[in-house]
Amino acid sequence: MAPLIAQFGDLFFILVAFVAALSVIVAIHEYGHYIVGRWCGIKAEIFSLGFGPVLFSRVDRHGTRWQVAALPFGGYVKFLGDGNAASGTSDGTAAQMTPEMRRQTMIYAPLWARTLTVAAGPVFNFVLSILIFGAVMLGQGKVEPPFVIDRVQPLPVDGVELRPGDELVAVAGQPFPDMTDPDLDFLAYTEALPPDPVLTYDVRRDGTLTQVQGPHLSPILVSSLVPRSAAIDAGIRQGDVIVSVDGVPVTVFDELRQVVEGSDGRALALQVWRDGETLDLTLTPRRSDEPSEEGGFETHWRIGISGGLPFELETSSHGLGEAAGDAVAQTWAVITGSVSGLYHMVTGAISSCNMSGPIGIAEVSGNMASQGVDSFIWFIAVLSTAVGLLNLFPIPVLDGGHLVFYAYEAVAGRAPSERALRVMMSLGLTLILGVMAFALFNDIFCP
């Protein structure tokens, strides 16, 4: 009974995290349509979070009904005269309206007003992502020289003498690397260190240069977990330290990486140190298609963990302009990575199992929420970028499809016929439902 209750609790947590993330993203997307439409003189009749039976509603002074519906898996804005929530057809009432009223409908508004209103949804998603990325970066700060220890991580290593306030000068006789150097090959630096659990550090303590003992710079300390990974399924948590694989002791992260890469997907028996206790866990590495330096993708075996330093370094505040630039760059990286991944799935370069549906996204939401508020908020930003990008695809029903219709209208001097719109919207809806069904199939049957 207890395992069943635990599973139900996990499912509830995943569902709540998914609904919370989706609600924020949809609300911002639809608010973009609403507010820009209002600025452009287009009247919104309904702003709905969710579909189905209405749980709560109120009408504001502009005549828009704001409502929360029972099925919290999306939302919409219905503008005056729309035949449906997709704003693709007319409900037939515009013919009886005065010219002033028709100007407030989506169907009869000027082309520029419709274009701005439709484009605003994805743009607001990108703006949300930039704001979140920037806020997280401002909150976390950045590491700058001199590199001073703020906190020493708990590890199953005896004889550690490092303490907060120590300024790092050298490790095992090698000058401590410049962590701010974008060209730093930190992996190469750690691989050049002796593979011993304890190394000699040169530190500046209270103004005096001294030598103390400290852990290897690359312990197998779990700093973060990849959502839906083998590590999460096996029960590994942040802060765990992997001490052996198949009974063989491992000390540094590169040793674990070599074992996993050479496993060819067979199950591995791990011994994990957690809060002073040793646990026995079993996990099976999974295939991962990752970008290669030469372009394209290559296959690796992964368990889904990231390592970290055995200590946290003191940070300083980001400048507002620097954080904004980094946030824009991060949003662009998500966009280009998504497009590249989709292209390589379509061409067969990587497995189509890389496409997740609602179950997969919900599971990722729960995984990220379980790793802390910062991780969950960061995930919302990534998902918001993905939603904005998806809506720009030139598929009828999506915002990108509407923009294609408007481009045709701008060139041809007239909008597509009502019949053509209905046919294309039906085809677009069929395509979207087919992709959703394929993604759901992946969620259920892909390993």
Protein backbone atom coordinates (compact mmCIF):
# COMPACT_ATOMS: atom_id res chain seq x y z
CA MET A 1 0.00 0.00 0.00
CA ALA A 2 2.83 2.42 0.89
CA PRO A 3 4.51 2.16 -2.55
CA LEU A 4 1.15 2.80 -4.19
CA ILE A 5 0.62 5.93 -2.09
CA ALA A 6 4.15 7.10 -2.91
CA GLN A 7 3.54 6.58 -6.64
CA PHE A 8 0.27 8.50 -6.41
CA GLY A 9 2.06 11.30 -4.58
CA ASP A 10 4.74 11.45 -7.28
CA LEU A 11 2.09 11.51 -10.01
CA PHE A 12 0.22 14.31 -8.25
CA PHE A 13 3.44 16.32 -7.88
CA ILE A 14 4.27 15.84 -11.58
CA LEU A 15 0.77 16.88 -12.62
CA VAL A 16 0.81 20.00 -10.43
CA ALA A 17 4.25 21.02 -11.74
CA PHE A 18 3.15 20.47 -15.35
CA VAL A 19 -0.07 22.46 -14.94
CA ALA A 20 1.77 25.28 -13.17
CA ALA A 21 4.42 25.53 -15.91
CA LEU A 22 1.89 25.28 -18.74
CA SER A 23 -0.49 27.80 -17.15
CA VAL A 24 2.22 30.45 -16.84
CA ILE A 25 3.39 29.96 -20.43
CA VAL A 26 -0.11 29.89 -21.92
CA ALA A 27 -1.22 32.91 -19.88
CA ILE A 28 1.73 34.97 -21.15
CA HIS A 29 1.22 33.79 -24.74
CA GLU A 30 -2.47 34.60 -24.80
CA TYR A 31 -1.97 37.87 -22.93
CA GLY A 32 0.38 38.91 -25.73
CA HIS A 33 -2.43 38.35 -28.26
CA TYR A 34 -4.93 40.13 -26.01
CA ILE A 35 -3.00 43.25 -25.05
CA VAL A 36 -1.49 43.93 -28.48
CA GLY A 37 -4.88 43.29 -30.06
CA ARG A 38 -6.44 45.82 -27.68
CA TRP A 39 -3.70 48.35 -28.49
CA CYS A 40 -4.47 47.79 -32.19
CA GLY A 41 -8.19 48.39 -31.71
CA ILE A 42 -9.33 44.75 -31.78
CA LYS A 43 -11.83 43.75 -29.10
CA ALA A 44 -11.35 40.52 -27.13
CA GLU A 45 -14.61 38.89 -26.06
CA ILE A 46 -13.12 36.04 -23.98
CA PHE A 47 -9.74 35.42 -22.36
CA SER A 48 -9.74 31.83 -21.13
CA LEU A 49 -7.22 29.82 -19.16
CA GLY A 50 -8.19 26.23 -19.81
CA PHE A 51 -11.00 24.66 -21.81
CA GLY A 52 -14.36 23.12 -20.98
CA PRO A 53 -16.80 24.10 -18.23
CA VAL A 54 -16.13 27.54 -16.77
CA LEU A 55 -15.17 27.54 -13.10
CA PHE A 56 -14.83 31.28 -12.63
CA SER A 57 -15.34 34.36 -14.78
CA ARG A 58 -15.66 38.12 -14.62
CA VAL A 59 -16.15 40.87 -17.20
CA ASP A 60 -13.78 43.82 -17.12
CA ARG A 61 -14.47 47.44 -18.07
CA HIS A 62 -13.40 46.75 -21.67
CA GLY A 63 -16.11 44.12 -22.03
CA THR A 64 -13.73 41.13 -22.03
CA ARG A 65 -14.77 38.06 -20.08
CA TRP A 66 -11.82 36.62 -18.14
CA GLN A 67 -12.40 33.01 -17.21
CA VAL A 68 -10.79 29.92 -15.73
CA ALA A 69 -12.05 26.62 -17.18
CA ALA A 70 -11.97 23.09 -15.82
CA LEU A 71 -9.35 21.58 -18.18
CA PRO A 72 -6.09 23.46 -17.43
CA PHE A 73 -4.17 22.31 -20.50
CA GLY A 74 -4.08 25.43 -22.65
CA GLY A 75 -6.07 28.58 -23.20
CA TYR A 76 -7.27 31.02 -25.85
CA VAL A 77 -8.42 34.54 -26.66
CA LYS A 78 -11.62 34.84 -28.66
CA PHE A 79 -11.83 38.14 -30.48
CA LEU A 80 -15.03 39.85 -31.59
CA GLY A 81 -16.49 38.14 -34.66
CA ASP A 82 -14.29 35.01 -34.44
CA GLY A 83 -15.93 31.76 -35.42
CA ASN A 84 -13.66 29.80 -33.07
CA ALA A 85 -10.80 30.17 -30.61
CA ALA A 86 -8.24 29.86 -33.44
CA SER A 87 -9.44 33.13 -35.03
CA GLY A 88 -9.47 31.42 -38.38
CA THR A 89 -13.06 31.98 -39.45
CA SER A 90 -15.91 34.41 -38.87
CA ASP A 91 -18.99 33.64 -36.79
CA GLY A 92 -21.16 35.51 -39.30
CA THR A 93 -22.11 38.38 -36.99
CA ALA A 94 -19.77 40.93 -38.59
CA ALA A 95 -22.14 41.41 -41.55
CA GLN A 96 -24.74 42.94 -39.21
CA MET A 97 -22.23 45.23 -37.48
CA THR A 98 -21.61 48.89 -38.09
CA PRO A 99 -18.30 49.80 -39.82
CA GLU A 100 -16.96 50.98 -36.46
CA MET A 101 -17.78 47.63 -34.84
CA ARG A 102 -16.35 45.64 -37.76
CA ARG A 103 -13.06 47.50 -37.27
CA GLN A 104 -12.91 45.92 -33.79
CA THR A 105 -13.10 42.37 -35.16
CA MET A 106 -10.08 40.25 -36.00
CA ILE A 107 -11.49 39.44 -39.44
CA TYR A 108 -11.96 43.05 -40.61
CA ALA A 109 -9.12 44.78 -38.76
CA PRO A 110 -6.32 46.24 -40.92
CA LEU A 111 -3.66 43.78 -42.01
CA TRP A 112 -0.98 45.44 -39.86
CA ALA A 113 -3.19 45.16 -36.76
CA ARG A 114 -3.89 41.47 -37.33
CA THR A 115 -0.23 40.72 -38.00
CA LEU A 116 0.95 42.43 -34.83
CA THR A 117 -1.76 40.76 -32.76
CA VAL A 118 -0.95 37.26 -33.98
CA ALA A 119 2.82 37.70 -33.76
CA ALA A 120 2.53 39.02 -30.18
CA GLY A 121 1.86 35.58 -28.68
CA PRO A 122 5.18 33.98 -29.63
CA VAL A 123 7.04 37.25 -29.03
CA PHE A 124 5.69 37.41 -25.47
CA ASN A 125 6.90 33.82 -24.95
CA PHE A 126 10.40 34.83 -26.01
CA VAL A 127 10.28 37.93 -23.80
CA LEU A 128 9.21 35.77 -20.84
CA SER A 129 12.16 33.45 -21.46
CA ILE A 130 14.61 36.35 -21.63
CA LEU A 131 13.23 37.88 -18.43
CA ILE A 132 13.45 34.56 -16.55
CA PHE A 133 16.94 33.70 -17.81
CA GLY A 134 18.11 37.20 -16.93
CA ALA A 135 16.53 37.13 -13.47
CA VAL A 136 18.07 33.75 -12.64
CA MET A 137 21.49 34.94 -13.81
CA LEU A 138 21.19 38.10 -11.71
CA GLY A 139 20.16 36.03 -8.68
CA GLN A 140 22.93 33.47 -9.04
CA GLY A 141 25.68 35.97 -9.75
CA LYS A 142 28.93 35.11 -11.49
CA VAL A 143 32.27 33.75 -10.38
CA GLU A 144 35.19 36.17 -10.70
CA PRO A 145 38.84 36.11 -9.62
CA PRO A 146 40.15 35.79 -7.01
CA PHE A 147 38.46 32.40 -6.59
CA VAL A 148 37.39 32.12 -2.95
CA ILE A 149 35.53 29.17 -1.42
CA ASP A 150 32.05 30.00 -0.15
CA ARG A 151 30.99 26.49 0.94
CA VAL A 152 32.63 23.05 1.01
CA GLN A 153 30.41 20.22 -0.22
CA PRO A 154 29.94 17.18 2.06
CA LEU A 155 31.86 14.23 0.59
CA PRO A 156 32.84 10.71 1.76
CA VAL A 157 36.50 11.78 1.93
CA ASP A 158 38.61 11.94 5.09
CA GLY A 159 41.22 14.59 5.82
CA VAL A 160 39.63 17.53 3.98
CA GLU A 161 41.06 20.77 5.36
CA LEU A 162 39.58 23.30 2.94
CA ARG A 163 37.22 25.82 4.52
CA PRO A 164 35.14 28.84 3.48
CA GLY A 165 37.23 31.92 2.86
CA ASP A 166 40.19 30.06 1.36
CA GLU A 167 41.48 31.66 -1.84
CA LEU A 168 42.48 28.96 -4.31
CA VAL A 169 45.97 29.30 -5.76
CA ALA A 170 46.97 25.81 -6.99
CA VAL A 171 45.87 22.16 -6.93
CA ALA A 172 48.48 19.37 -6.91
CA GLY A 173 51.07 21.91 -8.02
CA GLN A 174 48.96 23.13 -10.97
CA PRO A 175 47.79 26.79 -10.88
CA PHE A 176 44.05 26.95 -10.25
CA PRO A 177 42.38 27.61 -13.65
CA ASP A 178 40.67 30.85 -14.61
CA MET A 179 37.01 29.82 -14.30
CA THR A 180 35.95 32.93 -16.27
CA ASP A 181 37.96 31.98 -19.37
CA PRO A 182 35.50 30.97 -22.14
CA ASP A 183 38.22 28.88 -23.77
CA LEU A 184 39.05 26.94 -20.60
CA ASP A 185 39.11 23.17 -21.09
CA PHE A 186 38.27 22.27 -17.51
CA LEU A 187 37.97 18.57 -18.33
CA ALA A 188 41.53 18.50 -19.65
CA TYR A 189 42.71 20.32 -16.51
CA THR A 190 41.07 17.83 -14.13
CA GLU A 191 42.24 14.83 -16.18
CA ALA A 192 45.83 16.05 -15.76
CA LEU A 193 45.48 15.90 -11.96
CA PRO A 194 46.39 12.72 -10.07
CA PRO A 195 43.28 10.48 -9.74
CA ASP A 196 43.50 10.49 -5.96
CA PRO A 197 40.54 11.25 -3.68
CA VAL A 198 42.60 13.81 -1.73
CA LEU A 199 45.00 16.34 -3.27
CA THR A 200 47.25 19.07 -1.93
CA TYR A 201 45.88 22.61 -2.37
CA ASP A 202 47.84 25.86 -2.20
CA VAL A 203 45.47 28.42 -0.68
CA ARG A 204 45.72 31.93 0.69
CA ARG A 205 44.16 31.84 4.16
CA ASP A 206 43.98 34.98 6.32
CA GLY A 207 46.56 36.61 4.01
CA THR A 208 49.06 33.76 4.33
CA LEU A 209 49.92 31.23 1.61
CA THR A 210 49.62 27.69 2.99
CA GLN A 211 49.06 24.10 1.88
CA VAL A 212 46.03 22.06 2.92
CA GLN A 213 44.38 18.81 1.89
CA GLY A 214 41.24 18.86 -0.21
CA PRO A 215 39.12 16.59 -2.44
CA HIS A 216 39.78 15.98 -6.12
CA LEU A 217 38.38 18.80 -8.28
CA SER A 218 36.18 16.35 -10.20
CA PRO A 219 34.52 14.04 -7.64
CA ILE A 220 31.54 11.99 -8.76
CA LEU A 221 29.23 14.42 -7.01
CA VAL A 222 25.75 14.71 -8.54
CA SER A 223 25.13 18.43 -8.99
CA SER A 224 22.15 18.10 -11.35
CA LEU A 225 20.01 15.44 -13.00
CA VAL A 226 18.76 15.23 -16.56
CA PRO A 227 14.93 14.90 -16.62
CA ARG A 228 13.56 11.45 -17.53
CA SER A 229 17.04 9.95 -17.21
CA ALA A 230 18.27 6.57 -16.01
CA ALA A 231 19.67 8.24 -12.89
CA ILE A 232 16.28 9.66 -11.86
CA ASP A 233 14.56 6.33 -12.50
CA ALA A 234 17.19 4.59 -10.34
CA GLY A 235 16.56 6.96 -7.44
CA ILE A 236 19.75 9.05 -7.58
CA ARG A 237 19.42 12.52 -6.04
CA GLN A 238 21.29 15.80 -6.09
CA GLY A 239 24.18 15.69 -3.63
CA ASP A 240 24.74 11.94 -4.01
CA VAL A 241 28.30 10.70 -4.53
CA ILE A 242 28.91 7.56 -6.63
CA VAL A 243 31.73 5.59 -5.00
CA SER A 244 31.80 2.35 -7.00
CA VAL A 245 30.48 0.73 -10.19
CA ASP A 246 30.04 -3.05 -10.38
CA GLY A 247 32.09 -3.31 -7.19
CA VAL A 248 35.04 -1.33 -8.59
CA PRO A 249 35.83 1.91 -6.70
CA VAL A 250 35.66 5.11 -8.76
CA THR A 251 37.10 8.43 -7.60
CA VAL A 252 36.82 11.00 -10.38
CA PHE A 253 34.06 11.76 -12.84
CA ASP A 254 36.07 10.72 -15.88
CA GLU A 255 36.35 7.17 -14.50
CA LEU A 256 32.56 6.96 -14.29
CA ARG A 257 32.21 8.43 -17.79
CA GLN A 258 34.49 5.77 -19.27
CA VAL A 259 32.59 2.95 -17.56
CA VAL A 260 29.22 4.27 -18.76
CA GLU A 261 30.42 4.84 -22.33
CA GLY A 262 31.83 1.33 -22.44
CA SER A 263 28.73 -0.31 -21.00
CA ASP A 264 26.93 -0.54 -24.36
CA GLY A 265 23.69 -0.11 -22.45
CA ARG A 266 24.06 -2.96 -19.94
CA ALA A 267 22.84 -2.54 -16.35
CA LEU A 268 25.35 -1.14 -13.84
CA ALA A 269 25.42 -1.77 -10.09
CA LEU A 270 26.25 1.47 -8.26
CA GLN A 271 27.21 2.14 -4.69
CA VAL A 272 26.08 5.63 -3.71
CA TRP A 273 27.00 7.72 -0.65
CA ARG A 274 24.14 9.87 0.64
CA ASP A 275 24.18 11.87 3.88
CA GLY A 276 26.64 9.51 5.53
CA GLU A 277 24.94 6.32 4.36
CA THR A 278 25.83 3.93 1.52
CA LEU A 279 23.09 2.74 -0.84
CA ASP A 280 23.10 0.06 -3.54
CA LEU A 281 21.34 1.11 -6.76
CA THR A 282 21.07 -0.35 -10.25
CA LEU A 283 20.63 1.63 -13.44
CA THR A 284 20.87 1.05 -17.17
CA PRO A 285 22.57 3.72 -19.34
CA ARG A 286 20.50 5.08 -22.20
CA ARG A 287 21.40 6.02 -25.73
CA SER A 288 21.75 9.76 -26.30
CA ASP A 289 22.09 11.53 -29.67
CA GLU A 290 24.22 14.63 -29.11
CA PRO A 291 25.69 17.36 -31.36
CA SER A 292 29.23 16.66 -32.54
CA GLU A 293 31.99 19.22 -33.08
CA GLU A 294 32.06 18.42 -36.80
CA GLY A 295 28.33 19.04 -37.14
CA GLY A 296 25.46 16.59 -37.00
CA PHE A 297 24.95 14.19 -34.12
CA GLU A 298 26.74 11.21 -32.58
CA THR A 299 25.56 8.47 -30.23
CA HIS A 300 26.68 8.19 -26.60
CA TRP A 301 25.58 6.21 -23.56
CA ARG A 302 24.45 8.40 -20.67
CA ILE A 303 22.99 7.97 -17.19
CA GLY A 304 21.84 11.59 -16.90
CA ILE A 305 23.93 13.25 -14.20
CA SER A 306 26.19 16.30 -14.17
CA GLY A 307 29.14 16.61 -11.84
CA GLY A 308 30.30 19.63 -9.91
CA LEU A 309 33.16 21.11 -7.95
CA PRO A 310 33.65 19.85 -4.39
CA PHE A 311 32.97 23.40 -3.21
CA GLU A 312 30.96 26.47 -4.13
CA LEU A 313 32.82 29.67 -5.02
CA GLU A 314 31.89 33.17 -3.96
CA THR A 315 30.04 35.15 -6.63
CA SER A 316 29.59 38.79 -7.56
CA SER A 317 26.56 40.46 -9.11
CA HIS A 318 25.93 40.42 -12.84
CA GLY A 319 25.57 43.80 -14.53
CA LEU A 320 22.03 44.33 -15.82
CA GLY A 321 23.22 44.77 -19.40
CA GLU A 322 25.46 41.70 -19.22
CA ALA A 323 22.64 39.57 -17.78
CA ALA A 324 20.27 40.77 -20.51
CA GLY A 325 22.77 39.90 -23.23
CA ASP A 326 23.41 36.47 -21.75
CA ALA A 327 19.64 35.88 -21.45
CA VAL A 328 19.08 36.72 -25.12
CA ALA A 329 21.96 34.42 -26.07
CA GLN A 330 20.48 31.61 -23.96
CA THR A 331 17.05 32.03 -25.60
CA TRP A 332 18.65 31.96 -29.04
CA ALA A 333 20.59 28.83 -28.09
CA VAL A 334 17.33 27.07 -27.16
CA ILE A 335 15.77 28.10 -30.49
CA THR A 336 18.71 26.96 -32.63
CA GLY A 337 19.11 23.75 -30.65
CA SER A 338 15.40 22.93 -31.07
CA VAL A 339 15.46 23.59 -34.82
CA SER A 340 18.63 21.53 -35.25
CA GLY A 341 17.20 18.63 -33.26
CA LEU A 342 13.95 18.66 -35.23
CA TYR A 343 15.81 18.79 -38.56
CA HIS A 344 18.00 15.85 -37.63
CA MET A 345 14.98 13.84 -36.45
CA VAL A 346 13.21 14.46 -39.75
CA THR A 347 16.30 13.44 -41.74
CA GLY A 348 16.78 10.34 -39.60
CA ALA A 349 20.16 11.43 -38.21
CA ILE A 350 18.88 10.97 -34.67
CA SER A 351 16.12 8.90 -33.14
CA SER A 352 12.56 10.23 -33.31
CA CYS A 353 12.27 9.20 -29.66
CA ASN A 354 13.87 12.57 -28.88
CA MET A 355 10.41 14.09 -29.45
CA SER A 356 8.34 14.16 -26.27
CA GLY A 357 4.60 14.55 -25.88
CA PRO A 358 2.45 15.73 -22.98
CA ILE A 359 3.41 12.81 -20.73
CA GLY A 360 7.10 13.40 -21.31
CA ILE A 361 6.81 17.15 -20.76
CA ALA A 362 4.82 16.56 -17.59
CA GLU A 363 7.47 14.17 -16.30
CA VAL A 364 10.22 16.68 -17.09
CA SER A 365 8.23 19.36 -15.24
CA GLY A 366 8.10 17.18 -12.14
CA ASN A 367 11.79 16.26 -12.40
CA MET A 368 12.85 19.90 -12.64
CA ALA A 369 10.54 20.99 -9.83
CA SER A 370 12.01 18.29 -7.58
CA GLN A 371 15.50 19.78 -8.14
CA GLY A 372 14.52 23.15 -6.71
CA VAL A 373 12.79 26.41 -7.55
CA ASP A 374 15.66 27.73 -9.69
CA SER A 375 15.66 24.60 -11.86
CA PHE A 376 11.88 24.69 -12.30
CA ILE A 377 11.83 28.38 -13.22
CA TRP A 378 14.66 27.80 -15.69
CA PHE A 379 12.63 24.96 -17.23
CA ILE A 380 9.63 27.29 -17.62
CA ALA A 381 11.86 29.66 -19.60
CA VAL A 382 13.10 26.84 -21.85
CA LEU A 383 9.56 25.54 -22.41
CA SER A 384 8.28 29.07 -23.09
CA THR A 385 10.88 29.46 -25.84
CA ALA A 386 9.86 26.09 -27.31
CA VAL A 387 6.17 27.05 -27.26
CA GLY A 388 6.91 30.39 -28.94
CA LEU A 389 8.97 28.66 -31.62
CA LEU A 390 6.36 25.95 -32.20
CA ASN A 391 3.65 28.57 -32.71
CA LEU A 392 5.70 30.25 -35.42
CA PHE A 393 5.71 27.10 -37.59
CA PRO A 394 3.82 27.87 -40.85
CA ILE A 395 0.99 25.45 -40.10
CA PRO A 396 -2.65 26.55 -40.29
CA VAL A 397 -4.22 26.74 -36.80
CA LEU A 398 -0.89 27.90 -35.35
CA ASP A 399 0.14 31.56 -35.26
CA GLY A 400 2.71 30.94 -37.97
CA GLY A 401 -0.04 29.70 -40.28
CA HIS A 402 -2.01 32.92 -39.76
CA LEU A 403 1.09 34.96 -40.54
CA VAL A 404 1.51 33.02 -43.80
CA PHE A 405 -2.12 33.87 -44.70
CA TYR A 406 -1.42 37.53 -43.95
CA ALA A 407 1.73 37.44 -46.09
CA TYR A 408 -0.35 36.02 -48.96
CA GLU A 409 -2.90 38.78 -48.44
CA ALA A 410 -0.19 41.43 -48.50
CA VAL A 411 1.17 40.10 -51.81
CA ALA A 412 -2.11 39.15 -53.54
CA GLY A 413 -4.09 42.12 -52.26
CA ARG A 414 -6.85 39.88 -50.91
CA ALA A 415 -7.28 37.28 -48.20
CA PRO A 416 -7.72 33.56 -48.98
CA SER A 417 -11.36 32.62 -49.49
CA GLU A 418 -13.46 31.45 -46.57
CA ARG A 419 -13.65 27.97 -48.09
CA ALA A 420 -9.87 27.79 -48.60
CA LEU A 421 -9.32 28.91 -45.01
CA ARG A 422 -11.64 26.21 -43.69
CA VAL A 423 -9.89 23.50 -45.72
CA MET A 424 -6.39 24.62 -44.71
CA MET A 425 -7.38 24.98 -41.06
CA SER A 426 -8.77 21.44 -41.14
CA LEU A 427 -5.56 20.14 -42.71
CA GLY A 428 -3.48 22.03 -40.17
CA LEU A 429 -5.50 20.65 -37.28
CA THR A 430 -5.13 17.13 -38.67
CA LEU A 431 -1.38 17.58 -38.94
CA ILE A 432 -1.09 18.93 -35.38
CA LEU A 433 -3.20 16.07 -34.00
CA GLY A 434 -1.05 13.58 -35.92
CA VAL A 435 2.16 15.02 -34.47
CA MET A 436 0.64 15.00 -30.98
CA ALA A 437 -0.37 11.37 -31.40
CA PHE A 438 3.15 10.48 -32.58
CA ALA A 439 4.70 12.31 -29.60
CA LEU A 440 2.31 10.54 -27.23
CA PHE A 441 3.31 7.22 -28.80
CA ASN A 442 6.94 8.12 -28.05
CA ASP A 443 6.04 8.89 -24.43
CA ILE A 444 4.52 5.47 -23.99
CA PHE A 445 6.74 3.18 -26.03
CA CYS A 446 10.19 4.80 -26.37
CA PRO A 447 12.78 3.60 -23.80
